[in-house]
Amino acid sequence: MAKKSASELISSFSNIVGENTNEDIIGFMKDIEDSIVVDPYEEKYNQLLKDYRERFESAQDVEDSNESSDIVHEEVHDEIIDTTIDDLMEE
């Protein structure tokens, strides 16, 4: 038996049910359609999420390799100046 597309499955179900417009059948048909038809935004979101995770994990690998090297990081401390709104208005 060949794999059918979503539209073929919905069409087959419609042919089986016929013109019966019972609320249960209509609800079931909507459930089938919602379950089978994939939202293109959901696919796009999942792909973006996957790409983000791959990029984030590869960034950790780069950080780990940098930490293992003998690079010395200097700490920079700037002088903290208290500035008020009046000080800003004077200038």
C-alpha atoms as a PDB file:
ATOM      1  CA  MET A   1       0.000   0.000   0.000  1.00  0.00           C
ATOM      2  CA  ALA A   2       1.434   3.354  -1.034  1.00  0.00           C
ATOM      3  CA  LYS A   3       1.820   6.240   1.364  1.00  0.00           C
ATOM      4  CA  LYS A   4      -0.894   8.842   0.777  1.00  0.00           C
ATOM      5  CA  SER A   5      -0.638  12.590   1.097  1.00  0.00           C
ATOM      6  CA  ALA A   6      -2.760  14.535   3.564  1.00  0.00           C
ATOM      7  CA  SER A   7      -5.159  15.741   0.872  1.00  0.00           C
ATOM      8  CA  GLU A   8      -5.606  12.179  -0.445  1.00  0.00           C
ATOM      9  CA  LEU A   9      -6.419  10.895   3.057  1.00  0.00           C
ATOM     10  CA  ILE A  10      -8.952  13.647   3.664  1.00  0.00           C
ATOM     11  CA  SER A  11     -10.519  12.996   0.268  1.00  0.00           C
ATOM     12  CA  SER A  12     -10.730   9.248   0.973  1.00  0.00           C
ATOM     13  CA  PHE A  13     -12.364   9.894   4.335  1.00  0.00           C
ATOM     14  CA  SER A  14     -14.858  12.280   2.700  1.00  0.00           C
ATOM     15  CA  ASN A  15     -15.731   9.611   0.128  1.00  0.00           C
ATOM     16  CA  ILE A  16     -16.313   7.024   2.853  1.00  0.00           C
ATOM     17  CA  VAL A  17     -18.472   9.320   4.972  1.00  0.00           C
ATOM     18  CA  GLY A  18     -20.326  10.766   2.010  1.00  0.00           C
ATOM     19  CA  GLU A  19     -22.752  13.627   2.540  1.00  0.00           C
ATOM     20  CA  ASN A  20     -23.278  12.899   6.229  1.00  0.00           C
ATOM     21  CA  THR A  21     -22.879  16.212   8.066  1.00  0.00           C
ATOM     22  CA  ASN A  22     -23.062  14.862  11.572  1.00  0.00           C
ATOM     23  CA  GLU A  23     -21.188  17.130  14.025  1.00  0.00           C
ATOM     24  CA  ASP A  24     -19.063  14.213  15.232  1.00  0.00           C
ATOM     25  CA  ILE A  25     -17.916  13.404  11.700  1.00  0.00           C
ATOM     26  CA  ILE A  26     -17.130  17.044  10.927  1.00  0.00           C
ATOM     27  CA  GLY A  27     -15.192  17.349  14.193  1.00  0.00           C
ATOM     28  CA  PHE A  28     -13.316  14.140  13.482  1.00  0.00           C
ATOM     29  CA  MET A  29     -12.476  15.342   9.975  1.00  0.00           C
ATOM     30  CA  LYS A  30     -11.087  18.604  11.384  1.00  0.00           C
ATOM     31  CA  ASP A  31      -9.020  16.606  13.894  1.00  0.00           C
ATOM     32  CA  ILE A  32      -7.596  14.499  11.078  1.00  0.00           C
ATOM     33  CA  GLU A  33      -6.767  17.580   9.033  1.00  0.00           C
ATOM     34  CA  ASP A  34      -5.112  19.320  12.002  1.00  0.00           C
ATOM     35  CA  SER A  35      -3.082  16.201  12.782  1.00  0.00           C
ATOM     36  CA  ILE A  36      -1.958  15.521   9.228  1.00  0.00           C
ATOM     37  CA  VAL A  37      -1.415  18.970   7.771  1.00  0.00           C
ATOM     38  CA  VAL A  38       1.848  20.406   9.031  1.00  0.00           C
ATOM     39  CA  ASP A  39       1.965  24.101   9.747  1.00  0.00           C
ATOM     40  CA  PRO A  40       4.769  25.655   7.644  1.00  0.00           C
ATOM     41  CA  TYR A  41       5.585  28.049  10.484  1.00  0.00           C
ATOM     42  CA  GLU A  42       6.032  25.126  12.843  1.00  0.00           C
ATOM     43  CA  GLU A  43       8.519  23.531  10.438  1.00  0.00           C
ATOM     44  CA  LYS A  44      10.362  26.851  10.078  1.00  0.00           C
ATOM     45  CA  TYR A  45      10.419  27.307  13.877  1.00  0.00           C
ATOM     46  CA  ASN A  46      11.762  23.792  14.441  1.00  0.00           C
ATOM     47  CA  GLN A  47      14.479  24.328  11.816  1.00  0.00           C
ATOM     48  CA  LEU A  48      15.502  27.677  13.348  1.00  0.00           C
ATOM     49  CA  LEU A  49      15.566  26.112  16.807  1.00  0.00           C
ATOM     50  CA  LYS A  50      17.741  23.270  15.535  1.00  0.00           C
ATOM     51  CA  ASP A  51      20.129  25.701  13.803  1.00  0.00           C
ATOM     52  CA  TYR A  52      20.339  27.849  16.944  1.00  0.00           C
ATOM     53  CA  ARG A  53      21.138  24.861  19.139  1.00  0.00           C
ATOM     54  CA  GLU A  54      23.820  23.660  16.728  1.00  0.00           C
ATOM     55  CA  ARG A  55      25.389  27.116  16.613  1.00  0.00           C
ATOM     56  CA  PHE A  56      25.198  27.495  20.395  1.00  0.00           C
ATOM     57  CA  GLU A  57      26.774  24.100  21.031  1.00  0.00           C
ATOM     58  CA  SER A  58      29.550  24.753  18.521  1.00  0.00           C
ATOM     59  CA  ALA A  59      30.243  28.098  20.263  1.00  0.00           C
ATOM     60  CA  GLN A  60      30.785  26.222  23.523  1.00  0.00           C
ATOM     61  CA  ASP A  61      33.277  23.970  21.759  1.00  0.00           C
ATOM     62  CA  VAL A  62      35.196  27.033  20.604  1.00  0.00           C
ATOM     63  CA  GLU A  63      35.173  28.506  24.128  1.00  0.00           C
ATOM     64  CA  ASP A  64      36.418  25.219  25.559  1.00  0.00           C
ATOM     65  CA  SER A  65      39.305  25.175  23.088  1.00  0.00           C
ATOM     66  CA  ASN A  66      40.155  28.807  23.941  1.00  0.00           C
ATOM     67  CA  GLU A  67      40.177  28.049  27.658  1.00  0.00           C
ATOM     68  CA  SER A  68      42.634  25.239  27.184  1.00  0.00           C
ATOM     69  CA  SER A  69      45.098  27.525  25.377  1.00  0.00           C
ATOM     70  CA  ASP A  70      47.588  29.705  27.246  1.00  0.00           C
ATOM     71  CA  ILE A  71      45.878  33.019  26.499  1.00  0.00           C
ATOM     72  CA  VAL A  72      46.093  35.516  29.348  1.00  0.00           C
ATOM     73  CA  HIS A  73      43.108  37.803  29.689  1.00  0.00           C
ATOM     74  CA  GLU A  74      43.708  41.172  31.263  1.00  0.00           C
ATOM     75  CA  GLU A  75      41.115  42.569  33.581  1.00  0.00           C
ATOM     76  CA  VAL A  76      40.197  46.152  32.834  1.00  0.00           C
ATOM     77  CA  HIS A  77      38.815  48.306  35.606  1.00  0.00           C
ATOM     78  CA  ASP A  78      37.521  51.699  34.625  1.00  0.00           C
ATOM     79  CA  GLU A  79      37.114  54.457  37.123  1.00  0.00           C
ATOM     80  CA  ILE A  80      33.499  54.808  38.166  1.00  0.00           C
ATOM     81  CA  ILE A  81      32.264  58.384  38.079  1.00  0.00           C
ATOM     82  CA  ASP A  82      29.018  59.354  39.745  1.00  0.00           C
ATOM     83  CA  THR A  83      27.080  61.461  37.269  1.00  0.00           C
ATOM     84  CA  THR A  84      23.823  63.194  38.041  1.00  0.00           C
ATOM     85  CA  ILE A  85      21.319  64.824  35.727  1.00  0.00           C
ATOM     86  CA  ASP A  86      22.535  68.237  36.892  1.00  0.00           C
ATOM     87  CA  ASP A  87      26.071  67.321  35.822  1.00  0.00           C
ATOM     88  CA  LEU A  88      24.802  66.436  32.373  1.00  0.00           C
ATOM     89  CA  MET A  89      22.848  69.676  32.037  1.00  0.00           C
ATOM     90  CA  GLU A  90      25.900  71.792  32.942  1.00  0.00           C
ATOM     91  CA  GLU A  91      27.898  70.506  30.011  1.00  0.00           C
END
